Amino acid sequence: MNEIWAAILTSTVVTAIINIGWKFYENKTSFNNAKYMQISNYYRESSGKEMHSILESWSEMLLLMDEPGVKERMEDEAYLKNLINNTFLYSSPETCKRLAVFQQYNYTELTRGDNNPIQILVLTAGIIVSLKHDFTGEWVSIEEVLKIKINDFNVHEDNVLKQIKGYKY
């Protein structure tokens, strides 16, 4: 009879410990999700106009570069510095990481004269995709963005995919 009570008591204690552990995990996860949503909502509300402006500027850089007004702005060093600064200030850590990769490419490759247009397009599209996620919460693939810009995408697809994979985007 004592063995039955010991088994019942043991199973009750084990079940209680499992339930307590599960509730702790559930509460911690729920708290972290709520905290993330609160920060995300505040972030989007307080800087929505700036984020939209930044996304628009980067999109113009990729998609409307041939337009005279856009081309003029992109050649203005002060405008670009301000765009990079605002991108850093109002974007997510992922976008900041992609911005840093873009800038490192500018500092190293372009100053040496190594200009790889596909690589520049992938880096720019990577920032745009991440900014779009920051602004809307939705991911768009870099390939889809580049299909908008590159009219012979199928010719360059292997190189584009290689660049995307190289940057782990």
N, C-alpha and C. Protein backbone atom coordinates (compact mmCIF):
# COMPACT_ATOMS: atom_id res chain seq x y z
N MET A 1 0.80 -1.19 0.00
CA MET A 1 0.00 0.00 0.00
C MET A 1 0.85 1.26 0.00
N ASN A 2 1.95 1.22 0.76
CA ASN A 2 2.87 2.36 0.78
C ASN A 2 3.47 2.63 -0.59
N GLU A 3 3.68 1.57 -1.36
CA GLU A 3 4.25 1.73 -2.70
C GLU A 3 3.28 2.48 -3.62
N ILE A 4 2.00 2.21 -3.47
CA ILE A 4 1.00 2.89 -4.28
C ILE A 4 0.97 4.38 -3.93
N TRP A 5 0.97 4.68 -2.63
CA TRP A 5 1.00 6.09 -2.21
C TRP A 5 2.28 6.77 -2.65
N ALA A 6 3.39 6.09 -2.60
CA ALA A 6 4.67 6.65 -3.04
C ALA A 6 4.62 6.94 -4.54
N ALA A 7 4.04 6.04 -5.32
CA ALA A 7 3.92 6.23 -6.76
C ALA A 7 3.00 7.40 -7.07
N ILE A 8 1.88 7.49 -6.36
CA ILE A 8 0.93 8.59 -6.58
C ILE A 8 1.59 9.92 -6.20
N LEU A 9 2.25 9.94 -5.05
CA LEU A 9 2.90 11.16 -4.59
C LEU A 9 4.02 11.58 -5.55
N THR A 10 4.81 10.62 -6.00
CA THR A 10 5.90 10.90 -6.93
C THR A 10 5.37 11.43 -8.25
N SER A 11 4.34 10.80 -8.79
CA SER A 11 3.79 11.27 -10.06
C SER A 11 3.14 12.65 -9.91
N THR A 12 2.53 12.92 -8.78
CA THR A 12 1.94 14.23 -8.53
C THR A 12 3.02 15.32 -8.45
N VAL A 13 4.10 15.01 -7.75
CA VAL A 13 5.19 15.97 -7.63
C VAL A 13 5.84 16.21 -9.00
N VAL A 14 6.08 15.17 -9.76
CA VAL A 14 6.69 15.31 -11.09
C VAL A 14 5.77 16.12 -11.99
N THR A 15 4.48 15.83 -11.97
CA THR A 15 3.51 16.58 -12.78
C THR A 15 3.49 18.04 -12.38
N ALA A 16 3.52 18.32 -11.09
CA ALA A 16 3.52 19.71 -10.61
C ALA A 16 4.78 20.43 -11.07
N ILE A 17 5.92 19.77 -10.99
CA ILE A 17 7.18 20.39 -11.43
C ILE A 17 7.14 20.68 -12.93
N ILE A 18 6.63 19.74 -13.69
CA ILE A 18 6.52 19.95 -15.14
C ILE A 18 5.58 21.12 -15.44
N ASN A 19 4.44 21.18 -14.76
CA ASN A 19 3.49 22.27 -14.97
C ASN A 19 4.08 23.63 -14.59
N ILE A 20 4.79 23.66 -13.46
CA ILE A 20 5.43 24.91 -13.04
C ILE A 20 6.47 25.35 -14.07
N GLY A 21 7.29 24.40 -14.54
CA GLY A 21 8.31 24.71 -15.56
C GLY A 21 7.68 25.20 -16.84
N TRP A 22 6.60 24.54 -17.27
CA TRP A 22 5.91 24.94 -18.50
C TRP A 22 5.32 26.33 -18.34
N LYS A 23 4.66 26.63 -17.22
CA LYS A 23 4.08 27.96 -16.99
C LYS A 23 5.17 29.03 -16.99
N PHE A 24 6.30 28.73 -16.38
CA PHE A 24 7.41 29.68 -16.37
C PHE A 24 7.88 29.97 -17.79
N TYR A 25 8.07 28.91 -18.57
CA TYR A 25 8.50 29.07 -19.97
C TYR A 25 7.45 29.85 -20.77
N GLU A 26 6.20 29.49 -20.60
CA GLU A 26 5.11 30.15 -21.32
C GLU A 26 5.02 31.64 -20.96
N ASN A 27 5.14 31.97 -19.69
CA ASN A 27 5.09 33.37 -19.26
C ASN A 27 6.29 34.15 -19.79
N LYS A 28 7.46 33.54 -19.76
CA LYS A 28 8.66 34.21 -20.25
C LYS A 28 8.54 34.48 -21.75
N THR A 29 8.08 33.49 -22.50
CA THR A 29 7.90 33.65 -23.94
C THR A 29 6.85 34.71 -24.24
N SER A 30 5.76 34.65 -23.53
CA SER A 30 4.68 35.63 -23.71
C SER A 30 5.18 37.05 -23.41
N PHE A 31 5.94 37.19 -22.33
CA PHE A 31 6.49 38.50 -21.97
C PHE A 31 7.43 39.01 -23.06
N ASN A 32 8.32 38.14 -23.54
CA ASN A 32 9.26 38.56 -24.59
C ASN A 32 8.53 38.96 -25.87
N ASN A 33 7.50 38.20 -26.24
CA ASN A 33 6.73 38.55 -27.44
C ASN A 33 6.00 39.87 -27.26
N ALA A 34 5.39 40.07 -26.11
CA ALA A 34 4.69 41.33 -25.84
C ALA A 34 5.66 42.50 -25.84
N LYS A 35 6.83 42.30 -25.26
CA LYS A 35 7.84 43.35 -25.21
C LYS A 35 8.29 43.70 -26.63
N TYR A 36 8.54 42.68 -27.45
CA TYR A 36 8.95 42.90 -28.84
C TYR A 36 7.88 43.68 -29.59
N MET A 37 6.62 43.28 -29.43
CA MET A 37 5.53 43.96 -30.13
C MET A 37 5.39 45.41 -29.67
N GLN A 38 5.55 45.65 -28.38
CA GLN A 38 5.45 47.00 -27.86
C GLN A 38 6.56 47.88 -28.41
N ILE A 39 7.77 47.37 -28.41
CA ILE A 39 8.91 48.12 -28.94
C ILE A 39 8.72 48.36 -30.43
N SER A 40 8.31 47.32 -31.14
CA SER A 40 8.11 47.41 -32.58
C SER A 40 7.03 48.44 -32.92
N ASN A 41 5.91 48.40 -32.21
CA ASN A 41 4.83 49.36 -32.46
C ASN A 41 5.26 50.79 -32.15
N TYR A 42 5.95 50.98 -31.04
CA TYR A 42 6.43 52.31 -30.69
C TYR A 42 7.40 52.82 -31.75
N TYR A 43 8.30 51.93 -32.14
CA TYR A 43 9.30 52.25 -33.14
C TYR A 43 8.65 52.70 -34.44
N ARG A 44 7.64 51.94 -34.88
CA ARG A 44 6.96 52.27 -36.14
C ARG A 44 6.14 53.54 -36.02
N GLU A 45 5.47 53.75 -34.88
CA GLU A 45 4.64 54.93 -34.70
C GLU A 45 5.49 56.20 -34.62
N SER A 46 6.56 56.13 -33.85
CA SER A 46 7.35 57.35 -33.61
C SER A 46 8.23 57.73 -34.79
N SER A 47 8.58 56.77 -35.61
CA SER A 47 9.50 57.10 -36.70
C SER A 47 8.96 56.67 -38.06
N GLY A 48 7.65 56.53 -38.18
CA GLY A 48 7.04 56.06 -39.42
C GLY A 48 7.35 56.92 -40.62
N LYS A 49 7.24 58.24 -40.46
CA LYS A 49 7.50 59.14 -41.58
C LYS A 49 8.96 59.08 -42.01
N GLU A 50 9.85 59.05 -41.03
CA GLU A 50 11.28 58.98 -41.34
C GLU A 50 11.61 57.66 -42.04
N MET A 51 11.03 56.56 -41.51
CA MET A 51 11.29 55.25 -42.12
C MET A 51 10.79 55.22 -43.56
N HIS A 52 9.62 55.79 -43.80
CA HIS A 52 9.08 55.82 -45.16
C HIS A 52 9.99 56.63 -46.08
N SER A 53 10.46 57.77 -45.59
CA SER A 53 11.35 58.62 -46.38
C SER A 53 12.66 57.90 -46.70
N ILE A 54 13.19 57.18 -45.73
CA ILE A 54 14.45 56.44 -45.94
C ILE A 54 14.24 55.33 -46.95
N LEU A 55 13.17 54.56 -46.79
CA LEU A 55 12.85 53.49 -47.75
C LEU A 55 12.67 54.05 -49.15
N GLU A 56 11.98 55.17 -49.24
CA GLU A 56 11.76 55.81 -50.54
C GLU A 56 13.09 56.24 -51.17
N SER A 57 13.99 56.81 -50.38
CA SER A 57 15.28 57.26 -50.91
C SER A 57 16.12 56.09 -51.42
N TRP A 58 16.17 55.01 -50.66
CA TRP A 58 16.93 53.84 -51.10
C TRP A 58 16.30 53.21 -52.33
N SER A 59 14.97 53.16 -52.36
CA SER A 59 14.28 52.60 -53.53
C SER A 59 14.57 53.43 -54.77
N GLU A 60 14.55 54.75 -54.61
CA GLU A 60 14.90 55.62 -55.73
C GLU A 60 16.31 55.35 -56.21
N MET A 61 17.22 55.13 -55.26
CA MET A 61 18.62 54.88 -55.61
C MET A 61 18.73 53.66 -56.52
N LEU A 62 17.92 52.66 -56.27
CA LEU A 62 17.98 51.45 -57.07
C LEU A 62 17.11 51.54 -58.32
N LEU A 63 15.88 51.96 -58.15
CA LEU A 63 14.90 51.83 -59.23
C LEU A 63 14.79 53.05 -60.13
N LEU A 64 15.15 54.23 -59.64
CA LEU A 64 14.98 55.46 -60.43
C LEU A 64 16.29 56.21 -60.64
N MET A 65 17.39 55.51 -60.59
CA MET A 65 18.70 56.16 -60.67
C MET A 65 18.88 56.96 -61.96
N ASP A 66 18.18 56.59 -63.03
CA ASP A 66 18.34 57.29 -64.30
C ASP A 66 17.58 58.63 -64.35
N GLU A 67 16.69 58.86 -63.41
CA GLU A 67 15.94 60.12 -63.36
C GLU A 67 16.90 61.25 -62.99
N PRO A 68 16.82 62.39 -63.68
CA PRO A 68 17.76 63.49 -63.42
C PRO A 68 17.79 63.96 -61.96
N GLY A 69 16.64 64.15 -61.34
CA GLY A 69 16.59 64.63 -59.96
C GLY A 69 17.20 63.63 -58.98
N VAL A 70 16.92 62.36 -59.21
CA VAL A 70 17.45 61.31 -58.33
C VAL A 70 18.95 61.21 -58.52
N LYS A 71 19.39 61.23 -59.76
CA LYS A 71 20.82 61.13 -60.05
C LYS A 71 21.58 62.29 -59.39
N GLU A 72 21.00 63.46 -59.44
CA GLU A 72 21.63 64.64 -58.83
C GLU A 72 21.74 64.47 -57.31
N ARG A 73 20.66 63.99 -56.69
CA ARG A 73 20.69 63.77 -55.23
C ARG A 73 21.73 62.71 -54.86
N MET A 74 21.83 61.66 -55.64
CA MET A 74 22.76 60.58 -55.32
C MET A 74 24.22 60.99 -55.51
N GLU A 75 24.45 62.03 -56.26
CA GLU A 75 25.81 62.54 -56.42
C GLU A 75 26.17 63.57 -55.36
N ASP A 76 25.19 63.99 -54.57
CA ASP A 76 25.39 64.96 -53.50
C ASP A 76 25.90 64.24 -52.25
N GLU A 77 27.14 64.48 -51.89
CA GLU A 77 27.77 63.79 -50.76
C GLU A 77 27.04 64.04 -49.45
N ALA A 78 26.59 65.28 -49.24
CA ALA A 78 25.87 65.61 -48.00
C ALA A 78 24.55 64.84 -47.92
N TYR A 79 23.85 64.72 -49.05
CA TYR A 79 22.59 63.97 -49.08
C TYR A 79 22.84 62.51 -48.72
N LEU A 80 23.88 61.92 -49.31
CA LEU A 80 24.18 60.50 -49.04
C LEU A 80 24.59 60.27 -47.60
N LYS A 81 25.39 61.19 -47.05
CA LYS A 81 25.79 61.05 -45.64
C LYS A 81 24.57 61.13 -44.73
N ASN A 82 23.67 62.04 -45.04
CA ASN A 82 22.44 62.19 -44.27
C ASN A 82 21.57 60.93 -44.40
N LEU A 83 21.47 60.39 -45.60
CA LEU A 83 20.69 59.17 -45.83
C LEU A 83 21.28 58.00 -45.03
N ILE A 84 22.58 57.87 -45.05
CA ILE A 84 23.24 56.79 -44.30
C ILE A 84 23.03 56.99 -42.80
N ASN A 85 23.17 58.21 -42.34
CA ASN A 85 22.95 58.51 -40.92
C ASN A 85 21.52 58.19 -40.50
N ASN A 86 20.54 58.64 -41.29
CA ASN A 86 19.14 58.38 -40.96
C ASN A 86 18.81 56.89 -41.04
N THR A 87 19.40 56.21 -41.99
CA THR A 87 19.19 54.76 -42.10
C THR A 87 19.68 54.08 -40.83
N PHE A 88 20.84 54.48 -40.37
CA PHE A 88 21.38 53.92 -39.13
C PHE A 88 20.48 54.24 -37.93
N LEU A 89 20.01 55.47 -37.86
CA LEU A 89 19.20 55.90 -36.71
C LEU A 89 17.85 55.21 -36.62
N TYR A 90 17.19 55.02 -37.75
CA TYR A 90 15.80 54.58 -37.74
C TYR A 90 15.59 53.13 -38.18
N SER A 91 16.63 52.39 -38.39
CA SER A 91 16.43 51.03 -38.90
C SER A 91 16.80 49.97 -37.86
N SER A 92 16.45 48.76 -38.20
CA SER A 92 16.68 47.61 -37.32
C SER A 92 18.15 47.20 -37.34
N PRO A 93 18.54 46.35 -36.40
CA PRO A 93 19.92 45.85 -36.41
C PRO A 93 20.29 45.13 -37.72
N GLU A 94 19.33 44.41 -38.30
CA GLU A 94 19.61 43.72 -39.57
C GLU A 94 19.91 44.73 -40.67
N THR A 95 19.13 45.79 -40.74
CA THR A 95 19.37 46.82 -41.76
C THR A 95 20.70 47.52 -41.51
N CYS A 96 21.03 47.78 -40.25
CA CYS A 96 22.32 48.40 -39.92
C CYS A 96 23.47 47.50 -40.35
N LYS A 97 23.31 46.20 -40.16
CA LYS A 97 24.34 45.25 -40.59
C LYS A 97 24.52 45.32 -42.11
N ARG A 98 23.41 45.36 -42.83
CA ARG A 98 23.48 45.43 -44.30
C ARG A 98 24.05 46.78 -44.75
N LEU A 99 23.72 47.83 -44.04
CA LEU A 99 24.28 49.15 -44.34
C LEU A 99 25.79 49.14 -44.14
N ALA A 100 26.25 48.50 -43.09
CA ALA A 100 27.69 48.40 -42.82
C ALA A 100 28.40 47.63 -43.93
N VAL A 101 27.81 46.55 -44.39
CA VAL A 101 28.40 45.78 -45.49
C VAL A 101 28.47 46.64 -46.75
N PHE A 102 27.41 47.38 -47.02
CA PHE A 102 27.36 48.28 -48.17
C PHE A 102 28.47 49.33 -48.09
N GLN A 103 28.61 49.93 -46.91
CA GLN A 103 29.63 50.96 -46.73
C GLN A 103 31.04 50.37 -46.82
N GLN A 104 31.24 49.19 -46.26
CA GLN A 104 32.56 48.56 -46.37
C GLN A 104 32.91 48.29 -47.82
N TYR A 105 31.93 47.89 -48.61
CA TYR A 105 32.15 47.72 -50.04
C TYR A 105 32.56 49.05 -50.65
N ASN A 106 31.85 50.12 -50.30
CA ASN A 106 32.19 51.44 -50.83
C ASN A 106 33.59 51.86 -50.43
N TYR A 107 33.97 51.62 -49.18
CA TYR A 107 35.29 52.03 -48.70
C TYR A 107 36.41 51.23 -49.34
N THR A 108 36.20 49.95 -49.54
CA THR A 108 37.30 49.09 -50.01
C THR A 108 37.29 48.89 -51.52
N GLU A 109 36.22 48.32 -52.03
CA GLU A 109 36.18 47.94 -53.44
C GLU A 109 36.13 49.14 -54.38
N LEU A 110 35.24 50.08 -54.09
CA LEU A 110 35.09 51.22 -55.00
C LEU A 110 36.30 52.13 -54.99
N THR A 111 36.96 52.27 -53.84
CA THR A 111 38.15 53.13 -53.80
C THR A 111 39.31 52.50 -54.56
N ARG A 112 39.29 51.18 -54.70
CA ARG A 112 40.33 50.49 -55.50
C ARG A 112 39.98 50.46 -56.97
N GLY A 113 38.76 50.89 -57.29
CA GLY A 113 38.34 50.88 -58.68
C GLY A 113 37.67 49.59 -59.09
N ASP A 114 37.42 48.68 -58.15
CA ASP A 114 36.73 47.42 -58.45
C ASP A 114 35.23 47.66 -58.39
N ASN A 115 34.65 47.94 -59.53
CA ASN A 115 33.23 48.27 -59.58
C ASN A 115 32.47 47.09 -60.17
N ASN A 116 31.76 46.34 -59.33
CA ASN A 116 30.95 45.22 -59.77
C ASN A 116 29.49 45.65 -59.68
N PRO A 117 28.87 46.00 -60.81
CA PRO A 117 27.50 46.51 -60.78
C PRO A 117 26.50 45.55 -60.12
N ILE A 118 26.64 44.27 -60.37
CA ILE A 118 25.72 43.30 -59.78
C ILE A 118 25.87 43.30 -58.27
N GLN A 119 27.09 43.38 -57.79
CA GLN A 119 27.34 43.39 -56.35
C GLN A 119 26.73 44.64 -55.71
N ILE A 120 26.88 45.78 -56.35
CA ILE A 120 26.29 47.02 -55.84
C ILE A 120 24.77 46.92 -55.82
N LEU A 121 24.19 46.34 -56.87
CA LEU A 121 22.73 46.18 -56.91
C LEU A 121 22.25 45.25 -55.80
N VAL A 122 22.96 44.16 -55.57
CA VAL A 122 22.58 43.21 -54.51
C VAL A 122 22.68 43.87 -53.14
N LEU A 123 23.76 44.61 -52.91
CA LEU A 123 23.92 45.29 -51.62
C LEU A 123 22.81 46.33 -51.39
N THR A 124 22.51 47.09 -52.42
CA THR A 124 21.45 48.10 -52.32
C THR A 124 20.09 47.44 -52.12
N ALA A 125 19.81 46.40 -52.89
CA ALA A 125 18.54 45.69 -52.75
C ALA A 125 18.43 45.04 -51.38
N GLY A 126 19.55 44.57 -50.84
CA GLY A 126 19.55 43.99 -49.50
C GLY A 126 19.11 44.99 -48.45
N ILE A 127 19.58 46.21 -48.58
CA ILE A 127 19.17 47.27 -47.66
C ILE A 127 17.68 47.59 -47.85
N ILE A 128 17.25 47.69 -49.09
CA ILE A 128 15.85 48.01 -49.38
C ILE A 128 14.91 46.95 -48.82
N VAL A 129 15.26 45.69 -49.01
CA VAL A 129 14.43 44.59 -48.52
C VAL A 129 14.33 44.64 -46.99
N SER A 130 15.45 44.90 -46.34
CA SER A 130 15.45 44.97 -44.88
C SER A 130 14.67 46.19 -44.39
N LEU A 131 14.82 47.31 -45.06
CA LEU A 131 14.04 48.51 -44.71
C LEU A 131 12.55 48.27 -44.91
N LYS A 132 12.20 47.58 -45.98
CA LYS A 132 10.79 47.27 -46.23
C LYS A 132 10.25 46.41 -45.09
N HIS A 133 11.05 45.47 -44.62
CA HIS A 133 10.63 44.66 -43.47
C HIS A 133 10.49 45.52 -42.22
N ASP A 134 11.43 46.43 -42.01
CA ASP A 134 11.34 47.34 -40.86
C ASP A 134 10.05 48.16 -40.91
N PHE A 135 9.69 48.61 -42.09
CA PHE A 135 8.55 49.52 -42.25
C PHE A 135 7.22 48.77 -42.26
N THR A 136 7.16 47.63 -42.96
CA THR A 136 5.87 46.93 -43.13
C THR A 136 5.77 45.63 -42.34
N GLY A 137 6.91 45.09 -41.92
CA GLY A 137 6.89 43.80 -41.24
C GLY A 137 6.88 42.64 -42.21
N GLU A 138 6.94 42.90 -43.49
CA GLU A 138 6.89 41.85 -44.52
C GLU A 138 8.23 41.77 -45.24
N TRP A 139 8.66 40.54 -45.53
CA TRP A 139 9.89 40.33 -46.29
C TRP A 139 9.56 40.16 -47.77
N VAL A 140 10.37 40.76 -48.60
CA VAL A 140 10.33 40.58 -50.05
C VAL A 140 11.71 40.04 -50.42
N SER A 141 11.76 39.14 -51.39
CA SER A 141 13.06 38.58 -51.74
C SER A 141 13.89 39.59 -52.54
N ILE A 142 15.18 39.51 -52.36
CA ILE A 142 16.10 40.38 -53.10
C ILE A 142 15.99 40.11 -54.60
N GLU A 143 15.81 38.84 -54.95
CA GLU A 143 15.68 38.50 -56.37
C GLU A 143 14.49 39.21 -57.00
N GLU A 144 13.36 39.25 -56.29
CA GLU A 144 12.17 39.91 -56.83
C GLU A 144 12.41 41.41 -57.01
N VAL A 145 13.09 42.03 -56.07
CA VAL A 145 13.40 43.45 -56.19
C VAL A 145 14.31 43.68 -57.40
N LEU A 146 15.30 42.83 -57.56
CA LEU A 146 16.23 43.00 -58.68
C LEU A 146 15.59 42.68 -60.02
N LYS A 147 14.59 41.83 -60.03
CA LYS A 147 13.86 41.56 -61.28
C LYS A 147 13.15 42.81 -61.76
N ILE A 148 12.81 43.70 -60.85
CA ILE A 148 12.19 44.97 -61.23
C ILE A 148 13.21 45.85 -61.95
N LYS A 149 14.45 45.82 -61.50
CA LYS A 149 15.48 46.71 -62.03
C LYS A 149 16.23 46.13 -63.23
N ILE A 150 16.60 44.86 -63.15
CA ILE A 150 17.45 44.25 -64.18
C ILE A 150 16.57 43.64 -65.25
N ASN A 151 16.63 44.20 -66.47
CA ASN A 151 15.75 43.71 -67.53
C ASN A 151 16.20 42.37 -68.12
N ASP A 152 17.44 41.99 -67.92
CA ASP A 152 17.92 40.67 -68.37
C ASP A 152 18.35 39.84 -67.15
N PHE A 153 17.47 39.79 -66.16
CA PHE A 153 17.77 39.12 -64.90
C PHE A 153 18.19 37.67 -65.12
N ASN A 154 17.52 36.98 -66.04
CA ASN A 154 17.84 35.57 -66.25
C ASN A 154 19.28 35.37 -66.70
N VAL A 155 19.87 36.34 -67.37
CA VAL A 155 21.27 36.24 -67.79
C VAL A 155 22.20 36.36 -66.59
N HIS A 156 21.83 37.19 -65.62
CA HIS A 156 22.67 37.47 -64.45
C HIS A 156 22.24 36.70 -63.20
N GLU A 157 21.24 35.84 -63.33
CA GLU A 157 20.65 35.19 -62.15
C GLU A 157 21.67 34.42 -61.34
N ASP A 158 22.55 33.66 -61.97
CA ASP A 158 23.55 32.89 -61.22
C ASP A 158 24.47 33.79 -60.43
N ASN A 159 24.92 34.88 -61.05
CA ASN A 159 25.80 35.83 -60.36
C ASN A 159 25.06 36.50 -59.20
N VAL A 160 23.80 36.88 -59.42
CA VAL A 160 23.00 37.51 -58.37
C VAL A 160 22.84 36.56 -57.19
N LEU A 161 22.46 35.32 -57.47
CA LEU A 161 22.26 34.33 -56.40
C LEU A 161 23.56 34.05 -55.66
N LYS A 162 24.67 34.05 -56.39
CA LYS A 162 25.98 33.84 -55.76
C LYS A 162 26.28 35.00 -54.80
N GLN A 163 26.00 36.22 -55.23
CA GLN A 163 26.25 37.40 -54.38
C GLN A 163 25.35 37.36 -53.13
N ILE A 164 24.08 37.03 -53.32
CA ILE A 164 23.14 36.97 -52.19
C ILE A 164 23.60 35.91 -51.20
N LYS A 165 23.98 34.76 -51.71
CA LYS A 165 24.44 33.68 -50.83
C LYS A 165 25.74 34.08 -50.12
N GLY A 166 26.60 34.79 -50.83
CA GLY A 166 27.87 35.24 -50.24
C GLY A 166 27.66 36.19 -49.07
N TYR A 167 26.63 37.01 -49.15
CA TYR A 167 26.34 37.95 -48.06
C TYR A 167 25.38 37.37 -47.03
N LYS A 168 24.92 36.15 -47.27
CA LYS A 168 23.99 35.46 -46.36
C LYS A 168 22.71 36.26 -46.15
N TYR A 169 22.21 36.84 -47.24
CA TYR A 169 20.95 37.60 -47.20
C TYR A 169 19.80 36.66 -47.42
